[in-house]
Amino acid sequence: MPVSLEAIRADITTLQVDAIVNAANRSLLGGGGVDGAIHRAAGPGLVEECRTLGGCETGDAKLTSGYRLPARHVIHAVGPVWQGGDADEDALLASCYSSALEIAVAHRLETIAFPSISTGIFGFPADRAAEIAVTTVDDTLRETPGALKKVIFCCFDERALALHRAAIGQLSGSASP
């Protein structure tokens, strides 16, 4: 059964999925944007568990419990800060997505939701990030068929939603709804 890829506009902290992905910083101790929203919604248990993880390198990901979130788990993925495109940002961003998916597969999760990693205060161009996100997820899932049932790209605004839907549409060779 093929994996369902979907782009929606929603608050990622409200999604009932096996895991939401946090666009984290290297400390994993919370920050602004989606990172801060996830930490606030999950409650103090999340930061307590994150303190035990020793941070996370850029391009990698780590798993915690979801605490007060509807999602059972949070996968913290550390994306790159945009430095103009010559500092391996594309590969590091792709690595965030593939690392998060590898964790989901290893823990037999079926549903996962991603925010648009690195496009907020980290400054990664949103159009480039959406294409990398969708392509990396598709490529990674082709290597592990049947592992996940649904991947959601949870977008903060209409522009990100349109970019992700367009990238999904390009996979199938048609325009996405």
C-alpha atoms as a PDB file:
ATOM      1  CA  MET A   1       0.000   0.000   0.000  1.00  0.00           C
ATOM      2  CA  PRO A   2       1.532   3.344  -0.992  1.00  0.00           C
ATOM      3  CA  VAL A   3       2.179   5.962   1.647  1.00  0.00           C
ATOM      4  CA  SER A   4      -0.222   8.881   1.684  1.00  0.00           C
ATOM      5  CA  LEU A   5       1.536  12.257   1.409  1.00  0.00           C
ATOM      6  CA  GLU A   6      -0.646  15.184   2.384  1.00  0.00           C
ATOM      7  CA  ALA A   7      -0.112  18.912   2.932  1.00  0.00           C
ATOM      8  CA  ILE A   8      -2.442  20.719   5.327  1.00  0.00           C
ATOM      9  CA  ARG A   9      -2.598  24.058   7.097  1.00  0.00           C
ATOM     10  CA  ALA A  10      -2.965  23.444  10.812  1.00  0.00           C
ATOM     11  CA  ASP A  11      -1.406  23.809  14.242  1.00  0.00           C
ATOM     12  CA  ILE A  12       0.977  20.832  14.445  1.00  0.00           C
ATOM     13  CA  THR A  13       0.507  20.640  18.229  1.00  0.00           C
ATOM     14  CA  THR A  14      -3.136  19.586  17.712  1.00  0.00           C
ATOM     15  CA  LEU A  15      -2.552  16.655  15.342  1.00  0.00           C
ATOM     16  CA  GLN A  16      -3.400  13.133  16.453  1.00  0.00           C
ATOM     17  CA  VAL A  17      -0.562  11.207  14.836  1.00  0.00           C
ATOM     18  CA  ASP A  18       2.049   8.782  16.101  1.00  0.00           C
ATOM     19  CA  ALA A  19       4.720  11.500  15.938  1.00  0.00           C
ATOM     20  CA  ILE A  20       5.095  15.155  15.165  1.00  0.00           C
ATOM     21  CA  VAL A  21       8.462  16.468  14.090  1.00  0.00           C
ATOM     22  CA  ASN A  22       9.853  19.447  15.929  1.00  0.00           C
ATOM     23  CA  ALA A  23      11.975  21.951  14.003  1.00  0.00           C
ATOM     24  CA  ALA A  24      14.427  22.041  16.887  1.00  0.00           C
ATOM     25  CA  ASN A  25      17.651  23.844  17.653  1.00  0.00           C
ATOM     26  CA  ARG A  26      20.807  21.941  18.630  1.00  0.00           C
ATOM     27  CA  SER A  27      20.155  22.226  22.379  1.00  0.00           C
ATOM     28  CA  LEU A  28      16.688  20.596  22.045  1.00  0.00           C
ATOM     29  CA  LEU A  29      15.620  22.765  24.978  1.00  0.00           C
ATOM     30  CA  GLY A  30      13.014  24.865  23.180  1.00  0.00           C
ATOM     31  CA  GLY A  31      13.114  28.096  21.258  1.00  0.00           C
ATOM     32  CA  GLY A  32      10.867  30.208  19.092  1.00  0.00           C
ATOM     33  CA  GLY A  33       8.386  29.343  16.381  1.00  0.00           C
ATOM     34  CA  VAL A  34       7.162  25.765  16.106  1.00  0.00           C
ATOM     35  CA  ASP A  35       9.827  24.611  18.584  1.00  0.00           C
ATOM     36  CA  GLY A  36       8.498  26.889  21.316  1.00  0.00           C
ATOM     37  CA  ALA A  37       4.878  26.005  20.496  1.00  0.00           C
ATOM     38  CA  ILE A  38       5.595  22.281  20.776  1.00  0.00           C
ATOM     39  CA  HIS A  39       7.445  22.699  24.072  1.00  0.00           C
ATOM     40  CA  ARG A  40       4.633  24.841  25.520  1.00  0.00           C
ATOM     41  CA  ALA A  41       1.920  22.406  24.427  1.00  0.00           C
ATOM     42  CA  ALA A  42       3.802  19.305  25.600  1.00  0.00           C
ATOM     43  CA  GLY A  43       4.519  20.713  29.048  1.00  0.00           C
ATOM     44  CA  PRO A  44       7.583  20.552  31.311  1.00  0.00           C
ATOM     45  CA  GLY A  45       8.142  16.816  30.874  1.00  0.00           C
ATOM     46  CA  LEU A  46       9.368  17.398  27.337  1.00  0.00           C
ATOM     47  CA  VAL A  47      12.212  19.734  28.249  1.00  0.00           C
ATOM     48  CA  GLU A  48      13.139  17.446  31.149  1.00  0.00           C
ATOM     49  CA  GLU A  49      13.502  14.496  28.767  1.00  0.00           C
ATOM     50  CA  CYS A  50      15.334  16.646  26.205  1.00  0.00           C
ATOM     51  CA  ARG A  51      17.909  17.587  28.861  1.00  0.00           C
ATOM     52  CA  THR A  52      18.877  13.903  29.074  1.00  0.00           C
ATOM     53  CA  LEU A  53      19.602  13.660  25.328  1.00  0.00           C
ATOM     54  CA  GLY A  54      22.709  15.848  25.206  1.00  0.00           C
ATOM     55  CA  GLY A  55      21.502  17.968  22.300  1.00  0.00           C
ATOM     56  CA  CYS A  56      21.450  16.980  18.643  1.00  0.00           C
ATOM     57  CA  GLU A  57      23.659  17.730  15.661  1.00  0.00           C
ATOM     58  CA  THR A  58      22.398  19.662  12.639  1.00  0.00           C
ATOM     59  CA  GLY A  59      20.891  17.235  10.118  1.00  0.00           C
ATOM     60  CA  ASP A  60      20.077  14.625  12.757  1.00  0.00           C
ATOM     61  CA  ALA A  61      17.002  13.799  14.845  1.00  0.00           C
ATOM     62  CA  LYS A  62      16.091  12.333  18.251  1.00  0.00           C
ATOM     63  CA  LEU A  63      12.883  10.850  19.711  1.00  0.00           C
ATOM     64  CA  THR A  64      11.012  11.757  22.893  1.00  0.00           C
ATOM     65  CA  SER A  65       7.580  11.120  24.325  1.00  0.00           C
ATOM     66  CA  GLY A  66       4.769  13.505  23.378  1.00  0.00           C
ATOM     67  CA  TYR A  67       3.681  14.234  26.952  1.00  0.00           C
ATOM     68  CA  ARG A  68       0.563  16.470  26.844  1.00  0.00           C
ATOM     69  CA  LEU A  69       0.409  16.521  23.033  1.00  0.00           C
ATOM     70  CA  PRO A  70      -2.144  14.404  21.141  1.00  0.00           C
ATOM     71  CA  ALA A  71       0.855  12.879  19.310  1.00  0.00           C
ATOM     72  CA  ARG A  72       2.486   9.977  21.156  1.00  0.00           C
ATOM     73  CA  HIS A  73       6.009  11.077  20.239  1.00  0.00           C
ATOM     74  CA  VAL A  74       8.038  14.100  19.213  1.00  0.00           C
ATOM     75  CA  ILE A  75      10.920  13.625  16.805  1.00  0.00           C
ATOM     76  CA  HIS A  76      13.270  16.583  17.197  1.00  0.00           C
ATOM     77  CA  ALA A  77      15.042  17.359  13.900  1.00  0.00           C
ATOM     78  CA  VAL A  78      17.717  20.038  13.766  1.00  0.00           C
ATOM     79  CA  GLY A  79      17.714  21.851  10.470  1.00  0.00           C
ATOM     80  CA  PRO A  80      20.412  24.088   9.076  1.00  0.00           C
ATOM     81  CA  VAL A  81      20.580  27.851   9.372  1.00  0.00           C
ATOM     82  CA  TRP A  82      20.522  29.294   5.840  1.00  0.00           C
ATOM     83  CA  GLN A  83      23.905  30.795   4.982  1.00  0.00           C
ATOM     84  CA  GLY A  84      23.311  31.505   1.308  1.00  0.00           C
ATOM     85  CA  GLY A  85      23.301  27.936  -0.007  1.00  0.00           C
ATOM     86  CA  ASP A  86      27.022  27.198  -0.038  1.00  0.00           C
ATOM     87  CA  ALA A  87      27.295  25.583   3.403  1.00  0.00           C
ATOM     88  CA  ASP A  88      25.724  22.187   2.575  1.00  0.00           C
ATOM     89  CA  GLU A  89      22.311  23.437   3.714  1.00  0.00           C
ATOM     90  CA  ASP A  90      20.351  21.357   1.170  1.00  0.00           C
ATOM     91  CA  ALA A  91      22.000  18.093   2.256  1.00  0.00           C
ATOM     92  CA  LEU A  92      21.607  18.945   5.942  1.00  0.00           C
ATOM     93  CA  LEU A  93      17.915  19.727   5.473  1.00  0.00           C
ATOM     94  CA  ALA A  94      17.368  16.487   3.558  1.00  0.00           C
ATOM     95  CA  SER A  95      19.168  14.631   6.348  1.00  0.00           C
ATOM     96  CA  CYS A  96      16.690  16.054   8.916  1.00  0.00           C
ATOM     97  CA  TYR A  97      13.781  14.538   7.047  1.00  0.00           C
ATOM     98  CA  SER A  98      15.426  11.172   6.366  1.00  0.00           C
ATOM     99  CA  SER A  99      16.703  10.883   9.968  1.00  0.00           C
ATOM    100  CA  ALA A 100      13.213  11.587  11.336  1.00  0.00           C
ATOM    101  CA  LEU A 101      11.711   8.966   9.011  1.00  0.00           C
ATOM    102  CA  GLU A 102      14.349   6.393   9.995  1.00  0.00           C
ATOM    103  CA  ILE A 103      13.417   6.923  13.651  1.00  0.00           C
ATOM    104  CA  ALA A 104       9.708   6.568  12.817  1.00  0.00           C
ATOM    105  CA  VAL A 105      10.330   3.331  10.914  1.00  0.00           C
ATOM    106  CA  ALA A 106      12.577   1.925  13.662  1.00  0.00           C
ATOM    107  CA  HIS A 107       9.815   2.562  16.218  1.00  0.00           C
ATOM    108  CA  ARG A 108       7.087   1.166  13.928  1.00  0.00           C
ATOM    109  CA  LEU A 109       5.172   4.413  13.767  1.00  0.00           C
ATOM    110  CA  GLU A 110       2.514   4.687  11.073  1.00  0.00           C
ATOM    111  CA  THR A 111       1.702   8.401  10.947  1.00  0.00           C
ATOM    112  CA  ILE A 112       4.037  11.385  11.144  1.00  0.00           C
ATOM    113  CA  ALA A 113       3.622  15.137  10.661  1.00  0.00           C
ATOM    114  CA  PHE A 114       6.417  17.499   9.632  1.00  0.00           C
ATOM    115  CA  PRO A 115       6.525  21.279   9.914  1.00  0.00           C
ATOM    116  CA  SER A 116       8.472  23.212   7.302  1.00  0.00           C
ATOM    117  CA  ILE A 117      11.887  22.741   8.914  1.00  0.00           C
ATOM    118  CA  SER A 118      14.387  25.649   8.869  1.00  0.00           C
ATOM    119  CA  THR A 119      12.081  28.091   7.046  1.00  0.00           C
ATOM    120  CA  GLY A 120      11.318  30.296  10.048  1.00  0.00           C
ATOM    121  CA  ILE A 121      14.072  32.044  11.985  1.00  0.00           C
ATOM    122  CA  PHE A 122      16.678  29.755  10.346  1.00  0.00           C
ATOM    123  CA  GLY A 123      15.879  31.538   7.047  1.00  0.00           C
ATOM    124  CA  PHE A 124      15.869  28.621   4.578  1.00  0.00           C
ATOM    125  CA  PRO A 125      14.002  29.650   1.378  1.00  0.00           C
ATOM    126  CA  ALA A 126      10.498  28.176   1.653  1.00  0.00           C
ATOM    127  CA  ASP A 127      10.201  27.062  -1.979  1.00  0.00           C
ATOM    128  CA  ARG A 128      13.524  25.229  -1.904  1.00  0.00           C
ATOM    129  CA  ALA A 129      12.731  23.705   1.504  1.00  0.00           C
ATOM    130  CA  ALA A 130       9.334  22.357   0.359  1.00  0.00           C
ATOM    131  CA  GLU A 131      10.884  20.664  -2.664  1.00  0.00           C
ATOM    132  CA  ILE A 132      13.667  19.115  -0.551  1.00  0.00           C
ATOM    133  CA  ALA A 133      11.174  17.985   2.099  1.00  0.00           C
ATOM    134  CA  VAL A 134       8.772  16.258  -0.280  1.00  0.00           C
ATOM    135  CA  THR A 135      11.479  14.710  -2.472  1.00  0.00           C
ATOM    136  CA  THR A 136      13.464  13.427   0.515  1.00  0.00           C
ATOM    137  CA  VAL A 137      10.387  11.924   2.158  1.00  0.00           C
ATOM    138  CA  ASP A 138       9.372  10.235  -1.094  1.00  0.00           C
ATOM    139  CA  ASP A 139      12.901   8.887  -1.731  1.00  0.00           C
ATOM    140  CA  THR A 140      13.330   7.661   1.846  1.00  0.00           C
ATOM    141  CA  LEU A 141       9.956   5.906   1.881  1.00  0.00           C
ATOM    142  CA  ARG A 142      10.716   4.161  -1.416  1.00  0.00           C
ATOM    143  CA  GLU A 143      13.706   2.585   0.355  1.00  0.00           C
ATOM    144  CA  THR A 144      11.478   1.356   3.228  1.00  0.00           C
ATOM    145  CA  PRO A 145       8.167   0.378   1.609  1.00  0.00           C
ATOM    146  CA  GLY A 146       5.206  -0.360   3.850  1.00  0.00           C
ATOM    147  CA  ALA A 147       6.794   1.171   6.926  1.00  0.00           C
ATOM    148  CA  LEU A 148       4.632   4.284   7.239  1.00  0.00           C
ATOM    149  CA  LYS A 149       1.034   4.804   6.198  1.00  0.00           C
ATOM    150  CA  LYS A 150       0.713   8.594   6.239  1.00  0.00           C
ATOM    151  CA  VAL A 151       3.060  11.581   6.115  1.00  0.00           C
ATOM    152  CA  ILE A 152       1.600  15.020   6.701  1.00  0.00           C
ATOM    153  CA  PHE A 153       3.338  18.260   5.833  1.00  0.00           C
ATOM    154  CA  CYS A 154       1.772  20.608   8.372  1.00  0.00           C
ATOM    155  CA  CYS A 155       2.075  24.142   7.055  1.00  0.00           C
ATOM    156  CA  PHE A 156       1.854  27.351   9.038  1.00  0.00           C
ATOM    157  CA  ASP A 157       0.544  29.566   6.249  1.00  0.00           C
ATOM    158  CA  GLU A 158      -1.076  29.475   2.807  1.00  0.00           C
ATOM    159  CA  ARG A 159       2.205  30.055   0.944  1.00  0.00           C
ATOM    160  CA  ALA A 160       3.913  27.050   2.569  1.00  0.00           C
ATOM    161  CA  LEU A 161       0.796  24.979   1.940  1.00  0.00           C
ATOM    162  CA  ALA A 162       0.799  25.884  -1.771  1.00  0.00           C
ATOM    163  CA  LEU A 163       4.526  25.118  -2.067  1.00  0.00           C
ATOM    164  CA  HIS A 164       4.174  21.694  -0.424  1.00  0.00           C
ATOM    165  CA  ARG A 165       1.104  20.806  -2.468  1.00  0.00           C
ATOM    166  CA  ALA A 166       2.933  21.780  -5.651  1.00  0.00           C
ATOM    167  CA  ALA A 167       5.919  19.617  -4.678  1.00  0.00           C
ATOM    168  CA  ILE A 168       3.620  16.663  -3.937  1.00  0.00           C
ATOM    169  CA  GLY A 169       1.896  17.246  -7.288  1.00  0.00           C
ATOM    170  CA  GLN A 170       5.235  17.089  -9.091  1.00  0.00           C
ATOM    171  CA  LEU A 171       5.827  13.587  -7.669  1.00  0.00           C
ATOM    172  CA  SER A 172       2.751  12.273  -9.409  1.00  0.00           C
ATOM    173  CA  GLY A 173       3.204  14.480 -12.456  1.00  0.00           C
ATOM    174  CA  SER A 174      -0.040  16.304 -11.822  1.00  0.00           C
ATOM    175  CA  ALA A 175      -1.241  19.344  -9.943  1.00  0.00           C
ATOM    176  CA  SER A 176      -2.156  18.669  -6.333  1.00  0.00           C
ATOM    177  CA  PRO A 177      -5.583  19.705  -5.028  1.00  0.00           C
END
